[in-house]
Amino acid sequence: MWEFNNVDLLYTLTGGGPAGGTTTLPLYVANTSVDAHNFGYASALTTVAFVILLFCSIAYLRLSKFGGDRT
């Protein structure tokens, strides 16, 4: 989950890497919006990433001690 916060680090170090080898979803969204000027597609990808993170967060909270029964 923390990989979604490291766009600046990945872009600075590799820029997507050789042949897109280190491109993550957030880096792809940033490249799509800034380099290709395709803002609609980038916002749709951001919405998909939000839904993925929402489901992962809900699953994490339900499986951890924070979201379970506190009886």
PDB file of N, CA and C in Angstrom:
ATOM      1  N   MET A   1       0.804  -1.192   0.000  1.00  0.00           N
ATOM      2  CA  MET A   1       0.000   0.000   0.000  1.00  0.00           C
ATOM      3  C   MET A   1       0.855   1.267   0.000  1.00  0.00           C
ATOM      4  N   TRP A   2       1.991   1.207   0.627  1.00  0.00           N
ATOM      5  CA  TRP A   2       2.829   2.397   0.696  1.00  0.00           C
ATOM      6  C   TRP A   2       3.460   2.731  -0.638  1.00  0.00           C
ATOM      7  N   GLU A   3       3.403   1.810  -1.572  1.00  0.00           N
ATOM      8  CA  GLU A   3       3.959   2.069  -2.898  1.00  0.00           C
ATOM      9  C   GLU A   3       3.204   3.183  -3.614  1.00  0.00           C
ATOM     10  N   PHE A   4       1.966   3.412  -3.240  1.00  0.00           N
ATOM     11  CA  PHE A   4       1.183   4.468  -3.858  1.00  0.00           C
ATOM     12  C   PHE A   4       1.657   5.856  -3.427  1.00  0.00           C
ATOM     13  N   ASN A   5       2.469   5.938  -2.384  1.00  0.00           N
ATOM     14  CA  ASN A   5       2.989   7.222  -1.919  1.00  0.00           C
ATOM     15  C   ASN A   5       4.354   7.557  -2.498  1.00  0.00           C
ATOM     16  N   ASN A   6       4.978   6.653  -3.203  1.00  0.00           N
ATOM     17  CA  ASN A   6       6.364   6.831  -3.638  1.00  0.00           C
ATOM     18  C   ASN A   6       6.498   7.180  -5.108  1.00  0.00           C
ATOM     19  N   VAL A   7       5.594   7.952  -5.643  1.00  0.00           N
ATOM     20  CA  VAL A   7       5.682   8.309  -7.060  1.00  0.00           C
ATOM     21  C   VAL A   7       6.900   9.184  -7.315  1.00  0.00           C
ATOM     22  N   ASP A   8       7.136  10.152  -6.455  1.00  0.00           N
ATOM     23  CA  ASP A   8       8.260  11.067  -6.678  1.00  0.00           C
ATOM     24  C   ASP A   8       9.602  10.351  -6.609  1.00  0.00           C
ATOM     25  N   LEU A   9       9.749   9.425  -5.687  1.00  0.00           N
ATOM     26  CA  LEU A   9      11.000   8.683  -5.557  1.00  0.00           C
ATOM     27  C   LEU A   9      11.251   7.799  -6.776  1.00  0.00           C
ATOM     28  N   LEU A  10      10.236   7.055  -7.199  1.00  0.00           N
ATOM     29  CA  LEU A  10      10.397   6.189  -8.364  1.00  0.00           C
ATOM     30  C   LEU A  10      10.637   6.993  -9.636  1.00  0.00           C
ATOM     31  N   TYR A  11       9.947   8.109  -9.773  1.00  0.00           N
ATOM     32  CA  TYR A  11      10.131   8.925 -10.972  1.00  0.00           C
ATOM     33  C   TYR A  11      11.527   9.535 -11.015  1.00  0.00           C
ATOM     34  N   THR A  12      12.025   9.946  -9.860  1.00  0.00           N
ATOM     35  CA  THR A  12      13.349  10.554  -9.809  1.00  0.00           C
ATOM     36  C   THR A  12      14.449   9.525 -10.068  1.00  0.00           C
ATOM     37  N   LEU A  13      14.319   8.358  -9.474  1.00  0.00           N
ATOM     38  CA  LEU A  13      15.378   7.358  -9.597  1.00  0.00           C
ATOM     39  C   LEU A  13      15.383   6.652 -10.942  1.00  0.00           C
ATOM     40  N   THR A  14      14.204   6.220 -11.418  1.00  0.00           N
ATOM     41  CA  THR A  14      14.190   5.390 -12.626  1.00  0.00           C
ATOM     42  C   THR A  14      13.346   5.965 -13.750  1.00  0.00           C
ATOM     43  N   GLY A  15      12.323   6.746 -13.425  1.00  0.00           N
ATOM     44  CA  GLY A  15      11.434   7.270 -14.462  1.00  0.00           C
ATOM     45  C   GLY A  15      10.635   6.179 -15.142  1.00  0.00           C
ATOM     46  N   GLY A  16      10.470   5.062 -14.519  1.00  0.00           N
ATOM     47  CA  GLY A  16       9.773   3.935 -15.119  1.00  0.00           C
ATOM     48  C   GLY A  16      10.709   2.813 -15.507  1.00  0.00           C
ATOM     49  N   GLY A  17      11.981   3.103 -15.463  1.00  0.00           N
ATOM     50  CA  GLY A  17      12.974   2.060 -15.687  1.00  0.00           C
ATOM     51  C   GLY A  17      13.154   1.680 -17.138  1.00  0.00           C
ATOM     52  N   PRO A  18      14.061   0.772 -17.369  1.00  0.00           N
ATOM     53  CA  PRO A  18      14.286   0.319 -18.738  1.00  0.00           C
ATOM     54  C   PRO A  18      13.085  -0.481 -19.245  1.00  0.00           C
ATOM     55  N   ALA A  19      12.506  -0.011 -20.310  1.00  0.00           N
ATOM     56  CA  ALA A  19      11.361  -0.667 -20.958  1.00  0.00           C
ATOM     57  C   ALA A  19      10.180  -0.816 -20.009  1.00  0.00           C
ATOM     58  N   GLY A  20       9.999   0.123 -19.078  1.00  0.00           N
ATOM     59  CA  GLY A  20       8.856   0.090 -18.169  1.00  0.00           C
ATOM     60  C   GLY A  20       8.953  -0.971 -17.087  1.00  0.00           C
ATOM     61  N   GLY A  21      10.152  -1.407 -16.771  1.00  0.00           N
ATOM     62  CA  GLY A  21      10.345  -2.486 -15.810  1.00  0.00           C
ATOM     63  C   GLY A  21       9.997  -2.120 -14.381  1.00  0.00           C
ATOM     64  N   THR A  22      10.109  -0.850 -14.018  1.00  0.00           N
ATOM     65  CA  THR A  22       9.804  -0.449 -12.646  1.00  0.00           C
ATOM     66  C   THR A  22       8.587   0.472 -12.572  1.00  0.00           C
ATOM     67  N   THR A  23       7.741   0.422 -13.591  1.00  0.00           N
ATOM     68  CA  THR A  23       6.546   1.262 -13.603  1.00  0.00           C
ATOM     69  C   THR A  23       5.478   0.651 -12.726  1.00  0.00           C
ATOM     70  N   THR A  24       5.019   1.417 -11.755  1.00  0.00           N
ATOM     71  CA  THR A  24       3.900   1.004 -10.909  1.00  0.00           C
ATOM     72  C   THR A  24       2.652   1.745 -11.382  1.00  0.00           C
ATOM     73  N   LEU A  25       1.504   1.386 -10.828  1.00  0.00           N
ATOM     74  CA  LEU A  25       0.254   2.027 -11.233  1.00  0.00           C
ATOM     75  C   LEU A  25       0.262   3.534 -10.978  1.00  0.00           C
ATOM     76  N   PRO A  26       0.694   4.013  -9.807  1.00  0.00           N
ATOM     77  CA  PRO A  26       0.726   5.461  -9.615  1.00  0.00           C
ATOM     78  C   PRO A  26       1.708   6.182 -10.541  1.00  0.00           C
ATOM     79  N   LEU A  27       2.824   5.563 -10.827  1.00  0.00           N
ATOM     80  CA  LEU A  27       3.781   6.169 -11.749  1.00  0.00           C
ATOM     81  C   LEU A  27       3.215   6.196 -13.166  1.00  0.00           C
ATOM     82  N   TYR A  28       2.495   5.159 -13.542  1.00  0.00           N
ATOM     83  CA  TYR A  28       1.855   5.121 -14.851  1.00  0.00           C
ATOM     84  C   TYR A  28       0.792   6.209 -14.971  1.00  0.00           C
ATOM     85  N   VAL A  29       0.039   6.423 -13.892  1.00  0.00           N
ATOM     86  CA  VAL A  29      -0.966   7.489 -13.891  1.00  0.00           C
ATOM     87  C   VAL A  29      -0.301   8.849 -14.038  1.00  0.00           C
ATOM     88  N   ALA A  30       0.774   9.071 -13.316  1.00  0.00           N
ATOM     89  CA  ALA A  30       1.484  10.347 -13.405  1.00  0.00           C
ATOM     90  C   ALA A  30       2.053  10.561 -14.801  1.00  0.00           C
ATOM     91  N   ASN A  31       2.643   9.545 -15.381  1.00  0.00           N
ATOM     92  CA  ASN A  31       3.189   9.674 -16.733  1.00  0.00           C
ATOM     93  C   ASN A  31       2.085   9.887 -17.762  1.00  0.00           C
ATOM     94  N   THR A  32       0.951   9.229 -17.576  1.00  0.00           N
ATOM     95  CA  THR A  32      -0.156   9.380 -18.511  1.00  0.00           C
ATOM     96  C   THR A  32      -0.726  10.788 -18.467  1.00  0.00           C
ATOM     97  N   SER A  33      -0.850  11.322 -17.277  1.00  0.00           N
ATOM     98  CA  SER A  33      -1.450  12.650 -17.178  1.00  0.00           C
ATOM     99  C   SER A  33      -0.475  13.756 -17.581  1.00  0.00           C
ATOM    100  N   VAL A  34       0.778  13.662 -17.168  1.00  0.00           N
ATOM    101  CA  VAL A  34       1.726  14.756 -17.421  1.00  0.00           C
ATOM    102  C   VAL A  34       2.350  14.655 -18.816  1.00  0.00           C
ATOM    103  N   ASP A  35       2.843  13.500 -19.172  1.00  0.00           N
ATOM    104  CA  ASP A  35       3.556  13.368 -20.446  1.00  0.00           C
ATOM    105  C   ASP A  35       2.608  13.277 -21.643  1.00  0.00           C
ATOM    106  N   ALA A  36       1.553  12.474 -21.517  1.00  0.00           N
ATOM    107  CA  ALA A  36       0.648  12.250 -22.648  1.00  0.00           C
ATOM    108  C   ALA A  36      -0.530  13.218 -22.666  1.00  0.00           C
ATOM    109  N   HIS A  37      -0.698  14.012 -21.608  1.00  0.00           N
ATOM    110  CA  HIS A  37      -1.812  14.962 -21.487  1.00  0.00           C
ATOM    111  C   HIS A  37      -3.169  14.276 -21.657  1.00  0.00           C
ATOM    112  N   ASN A  38      -3.274  13.064 -21.136  1.00  0.00           N
ATOM    113  CA  ASN A  38      -4.512  12.299 -21.212  1.00  0.00           C
ATOM    114  C   ASN A  38      -5.134  12.280 -19.819  1.00  0.00           C
ATOM    115  N   PHE A  39      -5.745  13.388 -19.439  1.00  0.00           N
ATOM    116  CA  PHE A  39      -6.210  13.568 -18.073  1.00  0.00           C
ATOM    117  C   PHE A  39      -7.434  12.720 -17.746  1.00  0.00           C
ATOM    118  N   GLY A  40      -8.299  12.488 -18.702  1.00  0.00           N
ATOM    119  CA  GLY A  40      -9.490  11.663 -18.464  1.00  0.00           C
ATOM    120  C   GLY A  40      -9.126  10.224 -18.141  1.00  0.00           C
ATOM    121  N   TYR A  41      -8.222   9.661 -18.918  1.00  0.00           N
ATOM    122  CA  TYR A  41      -7.771   8.289 -18.681  1.00  0.00           C
ATOM    123  C   TYR A  41      -7.027   8.181 -17.356  1.00  0.00           C
ATOM    124  N   ALA A  42      -6.223   9.188 -17.050  1.00  0.00           N
ATOM    125  CA  ALA A  42      -5.486   9.183 -15.786  1.00  0.00           C
ATOM    126  C   ALA A  42      -6.430   9.273 -14.593  1.00  0.00           C
ATOM    127  N   SER A  43      -7.493  10.067 -14.702  1.00  0.00           N
ATOM    128  CA  SER A  43      -8.444  10.151 -13.588  1.00  0.00           C
ATOM    129  C   SER A  43      -9.230   8.861 -13.444  1.00  0.00           C
ATOM    130  N   ALA A  44      -9.526   8.169 -14.540  1.00  0.00           N
ATOM    131  CA  ALA A  44     -10.187   6.870 -14.448  1.00  0.00           C
ATOM    132  C   ALA A  44      -9.277   5.842 -13.780  1.00  0.00           C
ATOM    133  N   LEU A  45      -7.992   5.879 -14.107  1.00  0.00           N
ATOM    134  CA  LEU A  45      -7.035   4.977 -13.463  1.00  0.00           C
ATOM    135  C   LEU A  45      -6.905   5.282 -11.971  1.00  0.00           C
ATOM    136  N   THR A  46      -6.973   6.558 -11.622  1.00  0.00           N
ATOM    137  CA  THR A  46      -6.912   6.948 -10.216  1.00  0.00           C
ATOM    138  C   THR A  46      -8.120   6.427  -9.456  1.00  0.00           C
ATOM    139  N   THR A  47      -9.284   6.455 -10.083  1.00  0.00           N
ATOM    140  CA  THR A  47     -10.495   5.921  -9.454  1.00  0.00           C
ATOM    141  C   THR A  47     -10.373   4.410  -9.240  1.00  0.00           C
ATOM    142  N   VAL A  48      -9.832   3.718 -10.209  1.00  0.00           N
ATOM    143  CA  VAL A  48      -9.617   2.272 -10.073  1.00  0.00           C
ATOM    144  C   VAL A  48      -8.619   1.988  -8.952  1.00  0.00           C
ATOM    145  N   ALA A  49      -7.550   2.771  -8.881  1.00  0.00           N
ATOM    146  CA  ALA A  49      -6.568   2.589  -7.814  1.00  0.00           C
ATOM    147  C   ALA A  49      -7.187   2.852  -6.449  1.00  0.00           C
ATOM    148  N   PHE A  50      -8.077   3.847  -6.359  1.00  0.00           N
ATOM    149  CA  PHE A  50      -8.759   4.127  -5.102  1.00  0.00           C
ATOM    150  C   PHE A  50      -9.621   2.949  -4.670  1.00  0.00           C
ATOM    151  N   VAL A  51     -10.339   2.351  -5.597  1.00  0.00           N
ATOM    152  CA  VAL A  51     -11.190   1.196  -5.265  1.00  0.00           C
ATOM    153  C   VAL A  51     -10.334   0.015  -4.817  1.00  0.00           C
ATOM    154  N   ILE A  52      -9.215  -0.204  -5.477  1.00  0.00           N
ATOM    155  CA  ILE A  52      -8.316  -1.292  -5.085  1.00  0.00           C
ATOM    156  C   ILE A  52      -7.790  -1.061  -3.669  1.00  0.00           C
ATOM    157  N   LEU A  53      -7.354   0.160  -3.378  1.00  0.00           N
ATOM    158  CA  LEU A  53      -6.849   0.476  -2.040  1.00  0.00           C
ATOM    159  C   LEU A  53      -7.954   0.402  -0.992  1.00  0.00           C
ATOM    160  N   LEU A  54      -9.171   0.778  -1.349  1.00  0.00           N
ATOM    161  CA  LEU A  54     -10.294   0.691  -0.417  1.00  0.00           C
ATOM    162  C   LEU A  54     -10.562  -0.756  -0.020  1.00  0.00           C
ATOM    163  N   PHE A  55     -10.602  -1.648  -1.001  1.00  0.00           N
ATOM    164  CA  PHE A  55     -10.831  -3.063  -0.699  1.00  0.00           C
ATOM    165  C   PHE A  55      -9.679  -3.665   0.108  1.00  0.00           C
ATOM    166  N   CYS A  56      -8.457  -3.292  -0.218  1.00  0.00           N
ATOM    167  CA  CYS A  56      -7.313  -3.798   0.549  1.00  0.00           C
ATOM    168  C   CYS A  56      -7.346  -3.285   1.983  1.00  0.00           C
ATOM    169  N   SER A  57      -7.733  -2.038   2.166  1.00  0.00           N
ATOM    170  CA  SER A  57      -7.810  -1.475   3.520  1.00  0.00           C
ATOM    171  C   SER A  57      -8.903  -2.137   4.333  1.00  0.00           C
ATOM    172  N   ILE A  58     -10.047  -2.370   3.721  1.00  0.00           N
ATOM    173  CA  ILE A  58     -11.144  -3.032   4.426  1.00  0.00           C
ATOM    174  C   ILE A  58     -10.748  -4.452   4.809  1.00  0.00           C
ATOM    175  N   ALA A  59     -10.112  -5.172   3.892  1.00  0.00           N
ATOM    176  CA  ALA A  59      -9.665  -6.534   4.198  1.00  0.00           C
ATOM    177  C   ALA A  59      -8.627  -6.532   5.308  1.00  0.00           C
ATOM    178  N   TYR A  60      -7.711  -5.576   5.274  1.00  0.00           N
ATOM    179  CA  TYR A  60      -6.691  -5.487   6.316  1.00  0.00           C
ATOM    180  C   TYR A  60      -7.313  -5.216   7.679  1.00  0.00           C
ATOM    181  N   LEU A  61      -8.245  -4.295   7.726  1.00  0.00           N
ATOM    182  CA  LEU A  61      -8.873  -3.964   9.007  1.00  0.00           C
ATOM    183  C   LEU A  61      -9.710  -5.114   9.548  1.00  0.00           C
ATOM    184  N   ARG A  62     -10.357  -5.851   8.672  1.00  0.00           N
ATOM    185  CA  ARG A  62     -11.158  -6.990   9.138  1.00  0.00           C
ATOM    186  C   ARG A  62     -10.293  -8.147   9.624  1.00  0.00           C
ATOM    187  N   LEU A  63      -9.134  -8.317   9.015  1.00  0.00           N
ATOM    188  CA  LEU A  63      -8.256  -9.419   9.399  1.00  0.00           C
ATOM    189  C   LEU A  63      -7.338  -9.075  10.564  1.00  0.00           C
ATOM    190  N   SER A  64      -7.157  -7.809  10.833  1.00  0.00           N
ATOM    191  CA  SER A  64      -6.263  -7.426  11.917  1.00  0.00           C
ATOM    192  C   SER A  64      -7.029  -7.282  13.223  1.00  0.00           C
ATOM    193  N   LYS A  65      -6.314  -6.987  14.253  1.00  0.00           N
ATOM    194  CA  LYS A  65      -6.934  -6.850  15.565  1.00  0.00           C
ATOM    195  C   LYS A  65      -7.703  -5.547  15.681  1.00  0.00           C
ATOM    196  N   PHE A  66      -7.490  -4.614  14.753  1.00  0.00           N
ATOM    197  CA  PHE A  66      -8.156  -3.316  14.827  1.00  0.00           C
ATOM    198  C   PHE A  66      -9.602  -3.377  14.374  1.00  0.00           C
ATOM    199  N   GLY A  67      -9.927  -4.292  13.467  1.00  0.00           N
ATOM    200  CA  GLY A  67     -11.272  -4.314  12.925  1.00  0.00           C
ATOM    201  C   GLY A  67     -12.131  -5.471  13.399  1.00  0.00           C
ATOM    202  N   GLY A  68     -11.572  -6.352  14.183  1.00  0.00           N
ATOM    203  CA  GLY A  68     -12.319  -7.502  14.641  1.00  0.00           C
ATOM    204  C   GLY A  68     -13.209  -7.206  15.830  1.00  0.00           C
ATOM    205  N   ASP A  69     -13.856  -8.233  16.351  1.00  0.00           N
ATOM    206  CA  ASP A  69     -14.685  -8.075  17.558  1.00  0.00           C
ATOM    207  C   ASP A  69     -13.807  -7.720  18.741  1.00  0.00           C
ATOM    208  N   ARG A  70     -14.264  -6.816  19.531  1.00  0.00           N
ATOM    209  CA  ARG A  70     -13.502  -6.397  20.701  1.00  0.00           C
ATOM    210  C   ARG A  70     -14.228  -6.827  21.983  1.00  0.00           C
ATOM    211  N   THR A  71     -14.574  -8.076  22.037  1.00  0.00           N
ATOM    212  CA  THR A  71     -15.281  -8.578  23.232  1.00  0.00           C
ATOM    213  C   THR A  71     -14.354  -9.105  24.270  1.00  0.00           C
TER     214      THR A  71
END
